[in-house]
Protein backbone atom coordinates (compact mmCIF):
# COMPACT_ATOMS: atom_id res chain seq x y z
CA MET A 1 117.71 122.44 124.94
CA THR A 2 118.78 119.20 126.76
CA GLY A 3 118.63 115.81 124.83
CA GLN A 4 119.67 117.07 121.71
CA MET A 5 121.53 114.33 119.32
CA ALA A 6 125.10 114.43 118.88
CA VAL A 7 125.99 115.27 115.20
CA PRO A 8 128.32 113.00 113.40
CA GLY A 9 131.31 113.87 111.82
CA ALA A 10 133.74 113.10 109.23
CA LEU A 11 135.08 109.93 110.81
CA THR A 12 131.53 108.59 110.83
CA THR A 13 131.75 106.75 107.28
CA ASP A 14 133.09 103.49 105.88
CA LEU A 15 136.37 102.84 104.94
CA TYR A 16 135.91 102.31 101.66
CA GLU A 17 134.50 105.95 101.16
CA VAL A 18 137.75 106.95 102.61
CA SER A 19 139.61 104.97 100.09
CA MET A 20 137.76 106.27 97.20
CA ALA A 21 137.79 109.93 98.25
CA LEU A 22 141.72 109.84 98.51
CA ALA A 23 141.90 108.14 95.11
CA TYR A 24 139.52 110.85 93.61
CA LEU A 25 141.64 113.43 95.07
CA ARG A 26 144.95 111.95 93.98
CA GLU A 27 143.66 111.33 90.59
CA ASP A 28 142.16 114.78 90.24
CA MET A 29 138.80 113.60 89.77
CA THR A 30 136.81 116.51 91.52
CA GLY A 31 134.16 117.20 88.70
CA GLU A 32 130.65 117.69 89.74
CA ALA A 33 129.00 114.42 90.92
CA VAL A 34 125.12 113.71 91.41
CA PHE A 35 124.09 111.03 93.92
CA SER A 36 120.57 110.00 94.36
CA LEU A 37 119.18 108.43 97.86
CA PHE A 38 116.27 105.98 97.21
CA VAL A 39 114.43 103.48 98.55
CA ARG A 40 114.37 100.27 96.24
CA LYS A 41 111.33 98.73 97.18
CA LEU A 42 108.82 98.75 100.12
CA PRO A 43 109.35 96.50 102.99
CA PRO A 44 106.67 93.84 103.30
CA HIS A 45 103.15 95.23 104.28
CA ARG A 46 103.89 98.73 103.97
CA GLY A 47 101.84 101.15 101.88
CA PHE A 48 103.95 104.10 101.87
CA LEU A 49 107.03 105.71 103.69
CA VAL A 50 107.36 108.81 105.80
CA ALA A 51 110.25 110.81 104.72
CA ALA A 52 112.42 111.62 107.88
CA GLY A 53 116.10 112.17 108.92
CA LEU A 54 117.07 115.18 106.54
CA GLU A 55 117.35 117.78 109.46
CA SER A 56 120.17 115.63 111.15
CA ALA A 57 121.66 114.73 108.00
CA LEU A 58 121.75 118.60 106.79
CA SER A 59 123.35 119.22 110.53
CA TYR A 60 126.34 116.74 109.57
CA LEU A 61 126.82 117.98 105.88
CA GLU A 62 126.95 121.34 107.31
CA GLY A 63 129.80 120.66 110.06
CA LEU A 64 131.73 118.20 107.68
CA ARG A 65 135.39 118.81 108.10
CA VAL A 66 138.53 116.59 107.82
CA GLY A 67 140.95 118.22 109.90
CA ALA A 68 144.49 116.78 111.15
CA SER A 69 142.83 114.37 113.56
CA GLU A 70 140.41 113.15 111.16
CA ALA A 71 143.25 112.61 108.29
CA ALA A 72 145.59 111.40 111.07
CA ALA A 73 142.54 108.42 112.19
CA PHE A 74 142.14 107.85 108.19
CA ALA A 75 145.71 107.35 107.64
CA GLU A 76 145.63 104.52 110.87
CA ALA A 77 142.81 103.03 109.52
CA LEU A 78 144.10 102.73 106.35
CA HIS A 79 147.56 101.54 107.41
CA ARG A 80 149.00 104.49 105.47
CA PRO A 81 151.56 107.21 106.76
CA VAL A 82 149.84 110.44 107.65
CA GLU A 83 151.32 112.12 104.85
CA ASP A 84 149.48 110.52 102.29
CA LEU A 85 146.38 111.65 103.75
CA GLU A 86 147.13 115.12 103.08
CA PRO A 87 145.15 115.63 100.14
CA MET A 88 141.91 115.06 102.45
CA ARG A 89 142.84 117.62 105.11
CA GLY A 90 140.49 120.56 104.72
CA LEU A 91 137.89 118.98 103.20
CA GLU A 92 134.55 120.23 103.80
CA PHE A 93 131.00 119.67 102.23
CA THR A 94 130.42 122.64 99.79
CA GLY A 95 127.79 121.07 97.79
CA GLU A 96 124.15 121.30 96.94
CA VAL A 97 121.40 119.06 98.23
CA ARG A 98 117.86 118.91 96.91
CA ALA A 99 115.52 116.89 99.02
CA VAL A 100 112.03 115.74 99.87
CA PRO A 101 111.22 117.45 103.23
CA GLU A 102 110.68 115.84 106.53
CA GLY A 103 106.75 114.56 106.84
CA ARG A 104 106.19 114.13 103.44
CA ILE A 105 104.93 110.51 102.03
CA VAL A 106 107.25 108.82 99.54
CA LEU A 107 107.44 105.74 97.41
CA ALA A 108 109.48 103.30 96.30
CA GLY A 109 111.88 104.27 93.68
CA GLU A 110 111.32 108.10 94.23
CA PRO A 111 114.80 109.94 95.31
CA LEU A 112 114.54 111.25 98.94
CA LEU A 113 117.58 113.18 98.38
CA GLU A 114 120.08 114.23 95.95
CA VAL A 115 123.45 115.66 96.48
CA THR A 116 125.52 117.56 93.68
CA ALA A 117 128.98 118.36 94.79
CA PRO A 118 132.69 117.66 93.70
CA LEU A 119 133.02 113.95 93.62
CA PRO A 120 135.28 113.21 96.50
CA GLN A 121 132.97 114.95 98.83
CA ALA A 122 129.72 113.62 97.50
CA GLN A 123 131.59 110.21 97.85
CA LEU A 124 132.50 110.57 101.66
CA VAL A 125 129.17 111.40 102.97
CA GLU A 126 127.27 108.39 101.67
CA THR A 127 127.68 106.20 104.67
CA CYS A 128 126.28 108.93 107.16
CA LEU A 129 123.55 110.09 104.66
CA LEU A 130 122.38 106.71 104.29
CA ASN A 131 122.25 106.02 108.11
CA GLN A 132 120.50 109.20 108.90
CA ILE A 133 117.67 108.87 106.38
CA SER A 134 117.14 105.12 106.05
CA HIS A 135 116.63 104.69 110.31
CA GLN A 136 114.45 107.61 110.71
CA THR A 137 112.34 106.97 107.59
CA ALA A 138 111.55 103.45 108.53
CA ILE A 139 111.05 104.40 112.43
CA ALA A 140 108.47 107.43 110.93
CA SER A 141 106.65 104.97 108.69
CA LYS A 142 106.10 102.46 111.27
CA ALA A 143 104.91 105.07 113.65
CA ALA A 144 102.38 106.69 111.11
CA ARG A 145 101.07 103.36 110.82
CA CYS A 146 100.14 103.13 114.66
CA VAL A 147 98.53 106.50 114.22
CA LEU A 148 96.35 105.03 111.02
CA ALA A 149 95.75 102.09 113.16
CA ALA A 150 94.57 103.94 116.29
CA GLY A 151 91.55 105.99 114.35
CA GLY A 152 92.24 109.23 116.10
CA ARG A 153 92.59 107.92 119.48
CA PRO A 154 95.86 109.19 121.02
CA VAL A 155 99.14 107.29 120.85
CA VAL A 156 101.89 107.68 122.95
CA ASP A 157 105.65 106.68 122.78
CA PHE A 158 107.03 104.15 125.66
CA SER A 159 110.13 102.85 123.57
CA LEU A 160 112.90 104.13 125.28
CA ARG A 161 113.89 101.23 127.37
CA ARG A 162 114.35 99.04 124.47
CA THR A 163 115.50 101.24 121.44
CA HIS A 164 118.81 100.37 120.05
CA GLY A 165 120.83 103.22 122.28
CA VAL A 166 119.48 106.29 123.91
CA GLU A 167 119.89 108.38 120.45
CA ALA A 168 117.41 105.85 118.79
CA GLY A 169 114.93 106.79 121.70
CA LEU A 170 115.31 110.38 120.86
CA ARG A 171 114.80 110.04 117.47
CA MET A 172 111.48 107.49 117.85
CA ALA A 173 110.13 110.37 120.13
CA ARG A 174 110.52 112.91 117.76
CA LEU A 175 109.40 110.89 114.80
CA GLY A 176 106.21 109.95 116.77
CA ALA A 177 105.60 113.38 117.07
CA LEU A 178 106.23 114.06 113.82
CA VAL A 179 103.45 111.98 112.89
CA GLY A 180 101.01 112.62 115.50
CA PHE A 181 101.85 110.63 118.47
CA ALA A 182 100.24 112.78 121.48
CA GLY A 183 103.32 112.24 123.96
CA THR A 184 106.42 110.27 124.98
CA SER A 185 108.00 109.02 128.11
CA ASP A 186 111.49 109.99 127.28
CA VAL A 187 112.16 113.05 129.51
CA ALA A 188 115.23 114.11 127.32
CA ALA A 189 112.94 113.94 124.16
CA SER A 190 110.23 116.08 126.03
CA ALA A 191 112.60 118.62 127.24
CA ALA A 192 114.65 118.91 123.36
CA TYR A 193 111.55 119.00 121.40
CA GLY A 194 108.77 119.99 123.47
CA ILE A 195 106.90 116.93 123.13
CA PRO A 196 104.37 116.29 126.18
CA ALA A 197 105.78 114.11 128.68
CA VAL A 198 103.60 110.72 129.84
CA GLY A 199 104.09 108.28 132.23
CA THR A 200 102.50 106.19 134.92
CA MET A 201 103.92 103.68 137.31
CA ALA A 202 105.83 100.52 137.06
CA HIS A 203 104.81 97.22 138.62
CA SER A 204 107.78 97.51 141.09
CA PHE A 205 105.91 100.74 142.60
CA VAL A 206 102.81 98.39 143.53
CA GLU A 207 105.37 95.42 145.00
CA ALA A 208 107.49 97.61 146.98
CA TYR A 209 103.92 98.32 149.16
CA GLU A 210 102.14 95.92 151.30
CA ASP A 211 98.83 96.06 148.99
CA GLU A 212 97.78 97.88 145.79
CA GLU A 213 95.59 100.20 147.62
CA ALA A 214 98.52 101.18 149.97
CA ALA A 215 100.53 102.01 146.63
CA PHE A 216 97.58 103.93 144.92
CA ARG A 217 97.07 106.31 147.66
CA ALA A 218 100.72 106.89 148.24
CA PHE A 219 101.17 107.58 144.86
CA ALA A 220 97.82 109.95 144.58
CA ARG A 221 99.31 111.77 147.76
CA VAL A 222 102.62 112.74 145.92
CA HIS A 223 100.94 113.33 142.65
CA PRO A 224 97.81 115.37 143.40
CA GLY A 225 96.77 116.07 139.64
CA PRO A 226 95.36 113.45 137.34
CA VAL A 227 96.70 110.28 137.68
CA THR A 228 96.91 107.06 136.05
CA PHE A 229 97.30 103.47 137.92
CA LEU A 230 98.78 100.32 136.65
CA VAL A 231 96.26 97.58 137.63
CA ASP A 232 97.71 94.14 136.35
CA THR A 233 100.21 93.57 139.16
CA TYR A 234 98.44 90.78 140.61
CA ASP A 235 94.72 90.46 139.54
CA THR A 236 93.58 92.91 136.84
CA GLU A 237 90.04 93.12 137.53
CA GLU A 238 90.98 93.52 141.63
CA GLY A 239 93.19 96.31 140.52
CA VAL A 240 90.51 98.02 138.48
CA ARG A 241 88.12 97.90 141.56
CA THR A 242 90.88 99.07 144.11
CA ALA A 243 91.73 101.70 141.54
CA ALA A 244 88.11 102.75 141.31
CA ARG A 245 87.61 103.10 145.03
CA VAL A 246 90.57 105.12 145.55
CA LEU A 247 89.88 107.34 142.68
CA ARG A 248 86.40 107.82 143.95
CA ASP A 249 87.56 108.41 147.47
CA LEU A 250 89.58 111.44 146.50
CA GLY A 251 87.46 112.81 144.18
CA TYR A 252 89.58 112.22 141.43
CA GLY A 253 88.04 111.93 138.07
CA PRO A 254 88.77 113.76 134.19
CA GLY A 255 92.26 113.13 133.48
CA CYS A 256 92.69 110.07 135.15
CA ALA A 257 93.26 106.58 134.05
CA VAL A 258 93.94 102.86 134.47
CA ARG A 259 96.49 101.01 132.64
CA LEU A 260 96.30 97.72 131.09
CA ASP A 261 99.75 96.24 130.22
CA SER A 262 99.15 92.24 129.85
CA GLY A 263 96.67 89.60 129.19
CA ASP A 264 94.05 89.76 126.71
CA LEU A 265 93.69 93.67 126.38
CA GLY A 266 90.50 93.86 124.68
CA GLU A 267 88.79 91.51 127.21
CA LEU A 268 90.02 93.38 130.14
CA ALA A 269 89.24 96.66 128.57
CA VAL A 270 85.56 95.36 128.37
CA ARG A 271 85.82 94.71 132.18
CA ALA A 272 87.49 97.66 133.33
CA ARG A 273 84.96 99.98 131.57
CA ARG A 274 82.07 98.30 133.18
CA ILE A 275 83.61 98.44 136.57
CA LEU A 276 84.61 101.92 136.43
CA ASP A 277 81.22 102.88 135.01
CA ALA A 278 79.55 101.09 137.41
CA ALA A 279 81.61 103.16 139.95
CA GLY A 280 80.50 106.32 138.38
CA LEU A 281 83.77 107.02 136.72
CA GLU A 282 82.69 107.06 133.40
CA GLU A 283 85.35 110.01 132.61
CA VAL A 284 88.20 107.92 133.70
CA ARG A 285 90.09 106.64 130.64
CA ILE A 286 91.82 103.16 129.91
CA THR A 287 95.19 103.03 128.60
CA ALA A 288 96.86 99.94 127.03
CA SER A 289 100.29 99.01 126.61
CA GLY A 290 102.36 95.80 126.26
CA GLY A 291 103.83 94.92 122.99
CA LEU A 292 101.84 96.79 120.84
CA ASP A 293 102.27 97.90 117.51
CA GLU A 294 99.85 98.80 114.53
CA TYR A 295 98.71 95.39 113.89
CA GLY A 296 97.82 95.20 118.07
CA VAL A 297 96.33 98.37 117.92
CA ASP A 298 94.39 97.70 114.76
CA ARG A 299 93.19 94.28 115.81
CA LEU A 300 92.04 96.14 119.36
CA VAL A 301 90.07 99.11 117.44
CA ARG A 302 88.30 96.61 115.12
CA SER A 303 86.98 94.41 117.87
CA GLY A 304 85.66 97.70 119.43
CA ALA A 305 87.80 97.34 122.58
CA PRO A 306 86.71 100.40 124.88
CA ILE A 307 90.48 101.42 124.84
CA ASP A 308 90.94 105.44 124.83
CA VAL A 309 94.98 105.49 124.99
CA TYR A 310 97.38 103.40 122.98
CA ALA A 311 100.97 103.34 124.36
CA VAL A 312 103.40 101.79 121.92
CA GLY A 313 106.96 100.87 122.85
CA THR A 314 109.65 97.83 121.69
CA ARG A 315 107.79 96.92 118.41
CA VAL A 316 107.76 100.51 116.78
CA GLY A 317 111.04 101.87 118.64
CA VAL A 318 112.99 99.08 116.56
CA SER A 319 110.28 98.93 113.49
CA ALA A 320 110.18 95.35 114.49
CA ASP A 321 108.85 93.98 111.29
CA ALA A 322 110.85 96.07 108.86
CA PRO A 323 113.99 97.15 110.97
CA TYR A 324 115.84 98.33 107.69
CA LEU A 325 114.96 99.78 104.10
CA ASP A 326 116.40 98.61 100.87
CA SER A 327 118.06 101.99 100.52
CA ALA A 328 120.88 103.00 98.11
CA TYR A 329 122.84 106.03 97.53
CA LYS A 330 124.04 105.82 93.78
CA LEU A 331 125.96 108.09 91.23
CA VAL A 332 123.53 109.06 88.40
CA SER A 333 125.97 111.70 87.04
CA TYR A 334 129.56 112.73 86.72
CA ASP A 335 131.05 115.88 85.17
CA GLY A 336 127.89 116.19 83.05
CA ARG A 337 127.81 112.33 82.11
CA PRO A 338 124.70 110.72 82.91
CA VAL A 339 125.69 107.00 84.75
CA MET A 340 123.75 104.09 85.84
CA LYS A 341 124.27 100.90 87.42
CA LEU A 342 123.27 97.32 85.34
CA SER A 343 123.65 94.80 87.88
CA ALA A 344 120.91 92.17 88.07
CA ALA A 345 117.97 93.40 90.51
CA LYS A 346 119.93 96.74 91.10
CA VAL A 347 119.43 98.55 88.01
CA THR A 348 119.68 102.64 88.47
CA ALA A 349 118.54 105.41 86.47
CA PRO A 350 120.51 107.96 85.31
CA GLY A 351 120.67 111.85 85.75
CA ALA A 352 119.38 114.40 88.37
CA LYS A 353 115.83 113.89 88.83
CA GLN A 354 112.53 115.47 90.23
CA VAL A 355 109.35 113.47 91.67
CA PHE A 356 106.25 115.24 90.48
CA ARG A 357 103.22 114.49 92.55
CA GLY A 358 99.36 114.50 90.54
CA PRO A 359 96.10 113.89 92.11
CA GLY A 360 95.87 110.58 93.91
CA PHE A 361 99.70 109.82 94.34
CA ALA A 362 99.87 109.66 90.70
CA ASP A 363 103.80 110.12 91.18
CA VAL A 364 106.18 110.76 88.19
CA VAL A 365 109.88 110.16 88.29
CA ALA A 366 111.45 112.57 86.11
CA LEU A 367 114.71 114.30 84.99
CA ARG A 368 115.46 117.56 87.22
CA GLU A 369 114.96 119.98 84.33
CA GLU A 370 111.46 118.62 83.10
CA GLU A 371 108.53 120.50 83.44
CA PRO A 372 105.58 119.21 85.95
CA PRO A 373 102.50 117.86 84.20
CA SER A 374 99.63 119.39 84.65
CA GLY A 375 98.25 119.67 88.09
CA ALA A 376 101.33 118.11 89.70
CA GLU A 377 103.77 119.62 92.13
CA PRO A 378 107.37 118.73 92.74
CA LEU A 379 108.40 117.12 95.94
CA LEU A 380 112.35 117.86 95.82
CA GLU A 381 113.19 121.22 97.02
CA THR A 382 116.67 122.62 97.17
CA VAL A 383 117.82 122.75 101.14
CA MET A 384 121.39 123.52 100.93
CA THR A 385 123.67 125.32 98.68
CA GLY A 386 127.38 125.96 98.94
CA GLY A 387 127.19 123.50 101.88
CA ARG A 388 125.05 125.80 103.85
CA ARG A 389 121.06 125.28 104.79
CA VAL A 390 119.07 127.65 102.70
CA ALA A 391 116.62 128.35 105.51
CA ALA A 392 116.33 127.80 109.25
CA PRO A 393 115.82 124.20 110.01
CA ALA A 394 112.38 123.04 109.71
CA THR A 395 110.03 122.93 112.61
CA LEU A 396 108.54 119.65 114.07
CA ALA A 397 104.99 121.56 113.61
CA ALA A 398 105.70 121.95 109.88
CA ALA A 399 106.84 118.32 109.35
CA ARG A 400 103.63 117.23 110.92
CA GLU A 401 101.48 119.63 108.82
CA ARG A 402 102.81 118.13 105.57
CA PHE A 403 102.09 114.53 106.65
CA GLU A 404 98.99 115.38 107.78
CA ALA A 405 98.47 116.99 104.45
CA ASP A 406 99.62 114.20 102.21
CA LEU A 407 98.15 111.45 104.72
CA ALA A 408 94.75 112.82 103.92
CA ARG A 409 95.60 112.52 100.29
CA LEU A 410 96.80 109.02 100.08
CA PRO A 411 94.50 106.41 98.65
CA GLU A 412 92.88 104.34 101.12
CA GLU A 413 94.28 101.06 100.05
CA ALA A 414 97.72 102.56 100.75
CA ARG A 415 96.29 103.37 104.08
CA ARG A 416 95.21 100.21 105.19
CA VAL A 417 97.52 98.50 108.18
CA VAL A 418 96.72 95.06 106.64
CA ASP A 419 97.46 94.08 103.02
CA PRO A 420 98.08 97.56 101.95
CA VAL A 421 98.53 98.40 98.20
CA PRO A 422 101.35 101.16 97.58
CA PRO A 423 100.66 103.51 94.56
CA GLU A 424 103.11 102.88 91.77
CA PRO A 425 105.09 106.11 90.42
CA VAL A 426 106.23 105.88 86.90
CA ALA A 427 109.31 107.39 84.90
CA SER A 428 108.55 109.76 82.52
CA GLU A 429 109.44 109.59 78.89
CA ALA A 430 112.50 111.59 79.16
CA LEU A 431 114.06 109.78 81.80
CA SER A 432 113.18 106.50 80.27
CA ARG A 433 114.72 107.62 76.78
CA LEU A 434 117.81 108.54 78.84
CA THR A 435 117.75 105.25 80.60
CA ASP A 436 117.76 103.45 77.27
CA GLU A 437 120.53 105.64 75.84
CA VAL A 438 122.91 105.27 78.55
CA ARG A 439 122.25 101.55 78.95
CA SER A 440 122.83 101.02 74.99
CA ARG A 441 126.33 102.97 75.34
CA ILE A 442 127.20 100.93 78.27
CA GLU A 443 126.35 97.72 76.74
CA GLU A 444 128.16 98.82 73.46
CA ARG A 445 131.22 99.62 75.54
CA VAL A 446 131.27 96.61 77.95
CA TYR A 447 129.85 93.92 75.80
CA GLY A 448 130.85 95.36 72.28
CA GLY A 449 127.12 95.59 71.27
CA ARG A 450 126.02 92.31 72.58
CA ALA A 451 122.65 92.18 74.73
CA ALA A 452 123.77 92.16 78.44
CA ALA A 453 123.56 88.71 79.86
CA GLY A 454 121.78 88.59 83.07
């Protein structure tokens, strides 16, 4: 299908990952490492996150290979002779990945993904995995809040023109569909993922004609099916009246709409509804766009504005209020030895983990080998072994089903658009004990038994 995103390769990494991987190889440090990818804390005004980006991350891992050209590029970047990079030639990902499937709702401090692989491999892939998972999880979470704000009304994606690149636009369209968007303006995304394509007209189309009525009639001649007229190029109320006259003259009704793109959308929607209803066009819908995200949609819905469809763009496509996640990819075990970081405000928990979800999102972060508490289910699944997927790539429909099921169980206070209260996962007793043991061992070694300062 057209429009599919290119899969990044071995060069998609930070230079220090290359430096470390090369050092590990030269030092024969190729034992089994476990790295955990998680979000330290939720962005402000978020009650949850939606796990996303796993499928593109797995495609990257499956295709990872350091060949002659990649080794030469690494050597040039390091200002080293290419012979020095010989240990990295032929490196591929041969490890295991356990992850939360796309579409599931996750919380701060919970691993979204854990990699178990020889240390040089697991280290080299850090940058790209963080890139894939962090960006897509941020966007999916923002889009999910738009769906909640709309309260069952259709939401469509108009973000492509202002996303940070065409690949980001493709991702936004896919992630919007994952959380329940009804369509996208991005034709490439529609072709790639089977998402309904939606769109109306621009102000330039209206301006190109002598007047609005001529523009609307021309558009209807070329597009004889249901049409949507953009009515705010000049005077919005007059634009609605003109649209109503054209629709009535042509006998158009069900499926047609007028679109409001500027001004006081709530008040204009009220006036537009009156005009349309007075013209006998009760079935003609009102679509609203123009700087909307979940906050704008929430305000309009709460005000009772008679808007039938919400089109969101820039603010959602770039996750304007929370454009990044405080995500991390940390070593938690090497060669059978649990490890952790003690840096102030960035302490990590040691050991490979599992997340057990109980009723009401009573989540427990536990060690991988622990048994689940009664009535709880594990979130992380084995999705890759030996560097290859264990199953075919998950479908968008399956991810959407997972999201909808989790959303239905999410506590109401976490679903709120304004002032949400996220559930707080807790650590299991076994994980807490291991954390204390490893901390004590490190402090004994580093501080000679003195309590760690700071």
